[in-house]
């Protein structure tokens, strides 16, 4: 499902216009992004948690040449699904 299909699906359920629904979805995405950026994260009970994780620096290999390369440490966004979401997929 892409963003347009998600907007259409939500607008049918909520009986809102697609334009309003897209604004709400954009606001949600912006809010989650800002909070994850600040390292606060967002926890939606039953659905999941959006957080930031720190990856350590490590040594990797270039698959074409086999040469070792240094991969620097960095922060990455992480989504951990909640219990209810996991159970609904089973």
Protein backbone atom coordinates (compact mmCIF):
# COMPACT_ATOMS: atom_id res chain seq x y z
CA UNK A 1 0.00 0.00 0.00
CA UNK A 2 1.41 3.38 -0.94
CA UNK A 3 0.60 6.78 0.57
CA UNK A 4 -2.23 7.56 -1.86
CA UNK A 5 -3.91 4.22 -1.15
CA UNK A 6 -3.49 4.74 2.60
CA UNK A 7 -5.05 8.21 2.38
CA UNK A 8 -7.98 6.80 0.39
CA UNK A 9 -8.52 3.96 2.87
CA UNK A 10 -8.41 6.25 5.91
CA UNK A 11 -10.70 8.82 4.28
CA UNK A 12 -13.33 6.11 3.66
CA UNK A 13 -13.22 4.93 7.28
CA UNK A 14 -13.27 8.44 8.78
CA UNK A 15 -15.60 9.94 6.15
CA UNK A 16 -13.22 12.88 5.72
CA UNK A 17 -12.05 14.33 2.43
CA UNK A 18 -8.86 12.96 0.92
CA UNK A 19 -7.24 16.39 1.23
CA UNK A 20 -7.98 16.58 4.97
CA UNK A 21 -6.84 13.01 5.48
CA UNK A 22 -3.57 13.67 3.66
CA UNK A 23 -2.94 16.73 5.86
CA UNK A 24 -3.54 14.62 9.00
CA UNK A 25 -1.21 11.90 7.73
CA UNK A 26 1.49 14.45 6.85
CA UNK A 27 1.13 16.00 10.32
CA UNK A 28 1.50 12.56 11.92
CA UNK A 29 4.62 11.79 9.89
CA UNK A 30 6.14 15.21 10.69
CA UNK A 31 5.43 14.82 14.41
CA UNK A 32 6.94 11.34 14.56
CA UNK A 33 9.98 12.51 12.59
CA UNK A 34 10.57 15.51 14.88
CA UNK A 35 10.24 13.44 18.06
CA UNK A 36 12.52 10.67 16.81
CA UNK A 37 15.04 13.31 15.74
CA UNK A 38 15.00 14.75 19.29
CA UNK A 39 15.52 11.19 20.61
CA UNK A 40 12.14 11.32 22.39
CA UNK A 41 10.56 8.68 20.19
CA UNK A 42 6.87 7.91 19.84
CA UNK A 43 5.11 5.01 21.55
CA UNK A 44 1.70 3.88 20.31
CA UNK A 45 0.51 1.19 22.72
CA UNK A 46 -0.50 -1.94 20.85
CA UNK A 47 0.88 -0.69 17.53
CA UNK A 48 4.58 -0.05 18.10
CA UNK A 49 7.39 2.31 19.02
CA UNK A 50 9.43 4.66 16.84
CA UNK A 51 12.90 5.32 18.31
CA UNK A 52 16.51 6.05 17.40
CA UNK A 53 19.26 3.48 17.78
CA UNK A 54 23.02 4.03 17.81
CA UNK A 55 25.10 1.75 15.57
CA UNK A 56 28.75 1.26 16.47
CA UNK A 57 31.56 1.81 14.00
CA UNK A 58 32.69 -1.40 12.34
CA UNK A 59 34.83 -2.83 9.59
CA UNK A 60 33.12 -4.12 6.45
CA UNK A 61 34.21 -5.44 3.09
CA UNK A 62 33.70 -4.12 -0.41
CA UNK A 63 31.99 -7.10 -2.12
CA UNK A 64 33.55 -6.32 -5.51
CA UNK A 65 37.18 -5.99 -4.39
CA UNK A 66 37.20 -7.71 -1.01
CA UNK A 67 38.94 -4.63 0.41
CA UNK A 68 38.22 -3.77 4.05
CA UNK A 69 36.41 -0.48 4.61
CA UNK A 70 35.61 1.40 7.81
CA UNK A 71 31.91 1.99 8.39
CA UNK A 72 31.41 4.94 10.77
CA UNK A 73 29.08 4.97 13.78
CA UNK A 74 25.68 6.50 13.13
CA UNK A 75 22.16 6.93 14.42
CA UNK A 76 19.34 5.10 12.65
CA UNK A 77 15.55 5.21 13.03
CA UNK A 78 13.95 2.02 14.39
CA UNK A 79 10.36 0.75 14.52
CA UNK A 80 9.54 -1.98 17.02
CA UNK A 81 6.08 -3.49 16.52
CA UNK A 82 3.81 -3.81 19.55
CA UNK A 83 2.30 -6.99 20.92
CA UNK A 84 -1.13 -6.51 19.31
CA UNK A 85 0.38 -5.81 15.87
CA UNK A 86 2.58 -8.89 16.12
CA UNK A 87 -0.36 -11.06 17.13
CA UNK A 88 -2.58 -9.75 14.34
CA UNK A 89 0.02 -10.78 11.76
CA UNK A 90 0.28 -14.36 13.07
